[in-house]
Amino acid sequence: MPKVMLRRTDEGMTLYIPKQDLEEKIISIEHPGPGQWGGQITLSDGSSFVVDIMSEEPKLPITVRAKRG
């Protein structure tokens, strides 16, 4: 499972994969909150990743483990 960075920019939330030097805009999150945050994340290029579900939206930027969805 690669480590990815989630961060917020002026254009919205992005997911950055350091080893591939790839950054894409997040277009949807399976559980956007309140109460749960995370699950399947869909990116603007059509790919998706799955992150562990958290009890609330984390403070960004944050590095988490993700697997391709």
Protein backbone atom coordinates (compact mmCIF):
# COMPACT_ATOMS: atom_id res chain seq x y z
CA MET A 1 0.00 0.00 0.00
CA PRO A 2 1.59 3.26 -1.08
CA LYS A 3 1.67 6.33 1.11
CA VAL A 4 -0.18 9.29 -0.39
CA MET A 5 -0.61 12.87 0.72
CA LEU A 6 -4.00 14.51 0.91
CA ARG A 7 -3.96 18.29 0.81
CA ARG A 8 -6.20 21.24 0.08
CA THR A 9 -5.40 23.76 -2.64
CA ASP A 10 -7.25 26.75 -4.08
CA GLU A 11 -8.88 24.36 -6.58
CA GLY A 12 -10.04 21.85 -3.95
CA MET A 13 -8.68 18.72 -2.33
CA THR A 14 -5.88 16.80 -4.07
CA LEU A 15 -4.14 13.45 -3.70
CA TYR A 16 -0.39 13.36 -4.27
CA ILE A 17 1.64 10.17 -4.89
CA PRO A 18 5.30 11.04 -4.16
CA LYS A 19 6.96 8.03 -5.83
CA GLN A 20 5.15 8.77 -9.11
CA ASP A 21 5.26 12.57 -8.71
CA LEU A 22 1.53 12.55 -9.54
CA GLU A 23 -1.03 14.97 -8.15
CA GLU A 24 -4.72 14.79 -9.09
CA LYS A 25 -7.83 16.60 -7.93
CA ILE A 26 -10.22 14.57 -5.78
CA ILE A 27 -13.71 14.60 -7.29
CA SER A 28 -15.50 12.37 -4.75
CA ILE A 29 -15.03 10.71 -1.38
CA GLU A 30 -17.17 7.72 -0.38
CA HIS A 31 -17.73 8.98 3.18
CA PRO A 32 -17.34 12.80 3.21
CA GLY A 33 -18.61 13.21 6.81
CA PRO A 34 -19.91 14.11 9.30
CA GLY A 35 -19.30 11.07 11.46
CA GLN A 36 -17.20 9.19 8.90
CA TRP A 37 -14.55 10.32 6.45
CA GLY A 38 -12.62 8.28 3.89
CA GLY A 39 -13.26 5.09 1.96
CA GLN A 40 -13.02 5.15 -1.82
CA ILE A 41 -11.58 8.35 -3.29
CA THR A 42 -12.12 9.05 -6.99
CA LEU A 43 -9.66 11.29 -8.84
CA SER A 44 -10.15 13.57 -11.84
CA ASP A 45 -8.17 11.18 -14.10
CA GLY A 46 -10.68 8.38 -13.37
CA SER A 47 -8.46 6.36 -11.02
CA SER A 48 -9.47 5.59 -7.47
CA PHE A 49 -7.82 4.80 -4.15
CA VAL A 50 -9.18 3.47 -0.87
CA VAL A 51 -8.11 4.95 2.46
CA ASP A 52 -9.12 3.85 5.94
CA ILE A 53 -12.33 5.40 7.24
CA MET A 54 -11.75 7.99 9.96
CA SER A 55 -14.21 9.30 12.51
CA GLU A 56 -13.90 12.87 11.18
CA GLU A 57 -12.23 14.81 8.39
CA PRO A 58 -8.49 15.05 9.17
CA LYS A 59 -6.55 18.27 9.34
CA LEU A 60 -4.81 18.66 5.99
CA PRO A 61 -2.17 18.07 4.73
CA ILE A 62 -1.93 14.47 5.93
CA THR A 63 -0.04 11.39 4.73
CA VAL A 64 -2.01 8.13 4.77
CA ARG A 65 -1.71 4.62 3.36
CA ALA A 66 -3.94 3.93 0.37
CA LYS A 67 -4.55 1.08 -2.03
CA ARG A 68 -5.73 1.30 -5.60
CA GLY A 69 -9.48 0.96 -5.75
